[in-house]
Amino acid sequence: MKFHLPMAAAALATLTACNDIGPGPIAGGPCSYDTSIVTGTVIEVDEDGALLMGEGGEFWVPGEYLGALPEVGEALTFQRELIVEGTCTPEIYTVVAPDN
């Protein structure tokens, strides 16, 4: 019995140390992004987003960044943020309103 008590105490201490108590490190951060403006013409649309053809070739924009899904042939301009450091979202798109 004397052997089991220290082992049980050590196991409990290990489990307690692994339990998240209080705030921990920020998941994925800190991150840095390279920001650019990209324009593309919609060449394909489905319920998940749109495929566009831009100056640098084809690129996919998930529906969560589009709001309403665009129509094929529509030209859109985005601010594109590409991750350069960290493990956050690799690409972030923000629709930029066309100049009036």
Protein backbone atom coordinates (compact mmCIF):
# COMPACT_ATOMS: atom_id res chain seq x y z
CA MET A 1 0.00 0.00 0.00
CA LYS A 2 2.89 2.36 0.72
CA PHE A 3 4.08 1.95 -2.89
CA HIS A 4 0.68 2.80 -4.40
CA LEU A 5 0.15 6.03 -2.48
CA PRO A 6 3.23 7.86 -3.89
CA MET A 7 2.44 6.58 -7.40
CA ALA A 8 -1.15 7.80 -7.11
CA ALA A 9 0.05 11.21 -5.87
CA ALA A 10 2.50 11.47 -8.79
CA ALA A 11 -0.20 10.53 -11.32
CA LEU A 12 -2.60 13.11 -9.84
CA ALA A 13 0.08 15.81 -9.99
CA THR A 14 0.76 14.96 -13.64
CA LEU A 15 -2.92 15.13 -14.57
CA THR A 16 -3.36 18.43 -12.74
CA ALA A 17 -0.34 19.91 -14.52
CA CYS A 18 -1.83 19.00 -17.92
CA ASN A 19 -5.21 20.57 -17.14
CA ASP A 20 -5.70 24.08 -18.58
CA ILE A 21 -6.20 26.40 -15.65
CA GLY A 22 -6.45 30.06 -16.55
CA PRO A 23 -5.59 31.64 -19.88
CA GLY A 24 -2.98 29.94 -21.99
CA PRO A 25 -1.15 31.03 -25.11
CA ILE A 26 -3.21 32.46 -27.96
CA ALA A 27 -4.02 29.71 -30.47
CA GLY A 28 -2.17 30.28 -33.71
CA GLY A 29 -0.70 33.67 -32.85
CA PRO A 30 1.08 35.94 -33.13
CA CYS A 31 0.79 36.08 -36.91
CA SER A 32 1.97 38.41 -39.66
CA TYR A 33 0.39 38.92 -43.07
CA ASP A 34 1.44 40.34 -46.43
CA THR A 35 -1.43 42.54 -47.68
CA SER A 36 -2.23 43.27 -51.33
CA ILE A 37 -5.15 44.31 -53.54
CA VAL A 38 -6.27 41.72 -56.09
CA THR A 39 -8.94 41.92 -58.78
CA GLY A 40 -10.48 38.96 -60.52
CA THR A 41 -13.35 37.90 -62.72
CA VAL A 42 -15.63 35.18 -61.39
CA ILE A 43 -15.31 32.05 -63.55
CA GLU A 44 -17.15 29.57 -61.32
CA VAL A 45 -19.51 29.76 -58.34
CA ASP A 46 -20.88 27.13 -55.97
CA GLU A 47 -22.45 27.21 -52.51
CA ASP A 48 -18.99 27.25 -50.88
CA GLY A 49 -17.51 30.25 -52.71
CA ALA A 50 -16.17 31.47 -56.02
CA LEU A 51 -13.25 30.75 -58.33
CA LEU A 52 -11.79 33.89 -59.89
CA MET A 53 -9.26 34.56 -62.63
CA GLY A 54 -6.89 37.37 -61.78
CA GLU A 55 -3.60 38.78 -62.95
CA GLY A 56 -1.69 36.05 -61.07
CA GLY A 57 -3.95 33.20 -62.23
CA GLU A 58 -6.91 31.47 -60.60
CA PHE A 59 -7.74 31.98 -56.94
CA TRP A 60 -10.52 30.66 -54.71
CA VAL A 61 -12.46 32.89 -52.31
CA PRO A 62 -14.58 31.05 -49.71
CA GLY A 63 -18.21 32.17 -49.41
CA GLU A 64 -17.67 33.44 -45.85
CA TYR A 65 -15.60 36.30 -47.33
CA LEU A 66 -18.06 37.13 -50.12
CA GLY A 67 -21.32 37.83 -48.35
CA ALA A 68 -23.74 37.23 -51.24
CA LEU A 69 -22.39 34.87 -53.88
CA PRO A 70 -21.38 36.70 -57.07
CA GLU A 71 -22.42 35.81 -60.61
CA VAL A 72 -20.11 34.33 -63.25
CA GLY A 73 -18.50 37.18 -65.19
CA GLU A 74 -18.65 39.63 -62.30
CA ALA A 75 -15.39 41.48 -61.51
CA LEU A 76 -14.48 41.77 -57.83
CA THR A 77 -11.67 43.51 -55.97
CA PHE A 78 -10.32 42.20 -52.68
CA GLN A 79 -7.81 43.06 -50.06
CA ARG A 80 -5.93 39.75 -49.72
CA GLU A 81 -3.88 38.97 -46.64
CA LEU A 82 -1.43 36.06 -47.05
CA ILE A 83 0.20 34.69 -43.92
CA VAL A 84 3.98 35.05 -43.70
CA GLU A 85 4.48 34.15 -40.03
CA GLY A 86 2.54 32.08 -37.48
CA THR A 87 -0.18 29.47 -37.81
CA CYS A 88 -3.33 31.58 -38.16
CA THR A 89 -5.72 31.59 -41.14
CA PRO A 90 -3.49 31.28 -44.25
CA GLU A 91 -5.52 33.65 -46.45
CA ILE A 92 -8.04 36.33 -45.55
CA TYR A 93 -10.12 38.20 -48.14
CA THR A 94 -12.03 41.45 -47.69
CA VAL A 95 -14.22 42.74 -50.53
CA VAL A 96 -13.19 46.24 -51.56
CA ALA A 97 -15.94 48.49 -52.92
CA PRO A 98 -15.24 49.71 -56.48
CA ASP A 99 -14.43 53.40 -56.91
CA ASN A 100 -17.47 55.37 -57.96
